[in-house]
Amino acid sequence: QVQLVESGGGLVQSGGSRSLSCAASGFSFNAYAMNWYRQAPGKERELVASINTSGRTMYADSVKGRFTCSRSNGENTVYLQMNSLKPEDTAVYYCNVRLLFGKDYWGQGTQVTVSS
């Protein structure tokens, strides 16, 4: 079965960095784009970054220039390097993949808290 397991969350000071990982299994990882979403308290879940099968990335305007998404097809893992973190980046970060017929799969999420 499809599994997405995020890791790397925690508490970080404003201006600091954090790296998230998402280990994927149960599907052909190198055949699908991967996404990072986040959800802050009281807010809707939002798309933060995507990486396609060729490694092309796209980012939400709010994180452009600060976050970098990458993938290792050999390790079935997608990463999110977050630099220059701000308190407004505080959220639960989720890994996502949309497989055939539009079915979405999500990880359990990892909390990132940025203190001011």
Protein backbone atom coordinates (compact mmCIF):
# COMPACT_ATOMS: atom_id res chain seq x y z
CA GLN A 1 0.00 0.00 0.00
CA VAL A 2 1.03 3.60 -0.51
CA GLN A 3 2.91 5.08 2.42
CA LEU A 4 4.35 8.55 2.87
CA VAL A 5 6.35 9.19 6.02
CA GLU A 6 7.52 12.70 6.80
CA SER A 7 10.31 13.54 9.20
CA GLY A 8 12.42 16.50 10.19
CA GLY A 9 9.93 18.81 11.86
CA GLY A 10 10.62 20.61 15.09
CA LEU A 11 11.15 23.96 16.73
CA VAL A 12 13.39 26.51 15.04
CA GLN A 13 14.11 30.16 15.61
CA SER A 14 13.08 32.82 13.15
CA GLY A 15 15.70 33.09 10.44
CA GLY A 16 16.79 29.51 10.92
CA SER A 17 16.65 26.49 8.67
CA ARG A 18 15.01 23.11 8.72
CA SER A 19 15.05 20.17 6.34
CA LEU A 20 12.08 17.88 5.89
CA SER A 21 12.10 14.44 4.31
CA CYS A 22 9.32 12.25 3.00
CA ALA A 23 10.02 8.57 2.44
CA ALA A 24 7.63 7.03 -0.06
CA SER A 25 6.72 3.43 -0.75
CA GLY A 26 4.04 1.36 -2.42
CA PHE A 27 4.08 3.03 -5.84
CA SER A 28 6.49 3.84 -8.66
CA PHE A 29 8.04 6.89 -7.06
CA ASN A 30 9.96 8.05 -10.12
CA ALA A 31 6.78 8.15 -12.22
CA TYR A 32 4.93 10.77 -10.19
CA ALA A 33 5.22 14.36 -9.16
CA MET A 34 5.49 14.93 -5.44
CA ASN A 35 4.08 17.78 -3.41
CA TRP A 36 4.55 19.49 -0.07
CA TYR A 37 1.54 21.12 1.58
CA ARG A 38 1.18 22.86 4.90
CA GLN A 39 -1.67 23.71 7.21
CA ALA A 40 -1.48 26.36 9.89
CA PRO A 41 -3.98 26.49 12.75
CA GLY A 42 -7.30 27.86 11.58
CA LYS A 43 -6.20 27.97 7.95
CA GLU A 44 -6.77 25.82 4.91
CA ARG A 45 -4.14 23.44 3.69
CA GLU A 46 -1.99 25.13 1.05
CA LEU A 47 0.42 23.89 -1.59
CA VAL A 48 3.96 24.92 -0.76
CA ALA A 49 6.10 23.19 -3.38
CA SER A 50 5.94 20.60 -6.12
CA ILE A 51 8.55 18.65 -8.01
CA ASN A 52 7.80 16.76 -11.19
CA THR A 53 9.40 13.59 -12.48
CA SER A 54 12.10 15.58 -14.27
CA GLY A 55 13.01 17.52 -11.15
CA ARG A 56 11.29 20.72 -12.21
CA THR A 57 9.98 22.60 -9.21
CA MET A 58 7.32 25.17 -8.47
CA TYR A 59 6.77 27.11 -5.27
CA ALA A 60 4.14 29.16 -3.57
CA ASP A 61 4.96 32.87 -3.73
CA SER A 62 5.26 32.97 0.04
CA VAL A 63 8.23 30.60 0.06
CA LYS A 64 10.00 31.38 -3.22
CA GLY A 65 13.67 31.99 -2.73
CA ARG A 66 13.61 30.44 0.75
CA PHE A 67 12.46 26.85 0.24
CA THR A 68 13.99 24.26 -2.06
CA CYS A 69 12.29 21.01 -3.01
CA SER A 70 14.33 18.08 -4.32
CA ARG A 71 13.95 14.36 -4.82
CA SER A 72 16.03 11.23 -4.84
CA ASN A 73 14.47 8.60 -7.05
CA GLY A 74 17.05 6.08 -5.90
CA GLU A 75 15.95 6.56 -2.29
CA ASN A 76 12.24 7.15 -3.01
CA THR A 77 12.47 10.32 -0.98
CA VAL A 78 11.42 13.92 -1.48
CA TYR A 79 12.96 16.74 0.50
CA LEU A 80 12.05 20.26 1.48
CA GLN A 81 14.90 22.50 2.56
CA MET A 82 13.52 25.52 4.37
CA ASN A 83 15.74 28.55 4.95
CA SER A 84 15.14 32.00 6.41
CA LEU A 85 12.15 30.65 8.30
CA LYS A 86 9.51 33.04 9.56
CA PRO A 87 6.89 32.63 12.30
CA GLU A 88 4.25 32.52 9.58
CA ASP A 89 5.84 29.33 8.27
CA THR A 90 4.62 27.58 11.41
CA ALA A 91 2.37 24.74 10.29
CA VAL A 92 2.01 21.02 9.92
CA TYR A 93 3.79 20.04 6.72
CA TYR A 94 2.40 17.18 4.64
CA CYS A 95 3.85 15.15 1.83
CA ASN A 96 1.42 14.33 -0.98
CA VAL A 97 1.22 12.32 -4.14
CA ARG A 98 -1.64 12.17 -6.61
CA LEU A 99 -1.74 8.81 -8.33
CA LEU A 100 -3.88 7.44 -11.14
CA PHE A 101 -7.51 8.58 -11.34
CA GLY A 102 -6.69 11.55 -9.16
CA LYS A 103 -6.45 9.68 -5.91
CA ASP A 104 -4.51 11.63 -3.31
CA TYR A 105 -2.31 10.10 -0.66
CA TRP A 106 -0.98 11.97 2.36
CA GLY A 107 1.61 11.46 5.01
CA GLN A 108 0.85 11.90 8.67
CA GLY A 109 2.40 15.35 8.72
CA THR A 110 5.28 16.86 10.64
CA GLN A 111 5.01 19.97 12.80
CA VAL A 112 7.30 22.90 12.13
CA THR A 113 7.21 25.69 14.69
CA VAL A 114 9.13 28.91 14.09
CA SER A 115 9.63 31.06 17.16
CA SER A 116 10.02 34.81 16.87
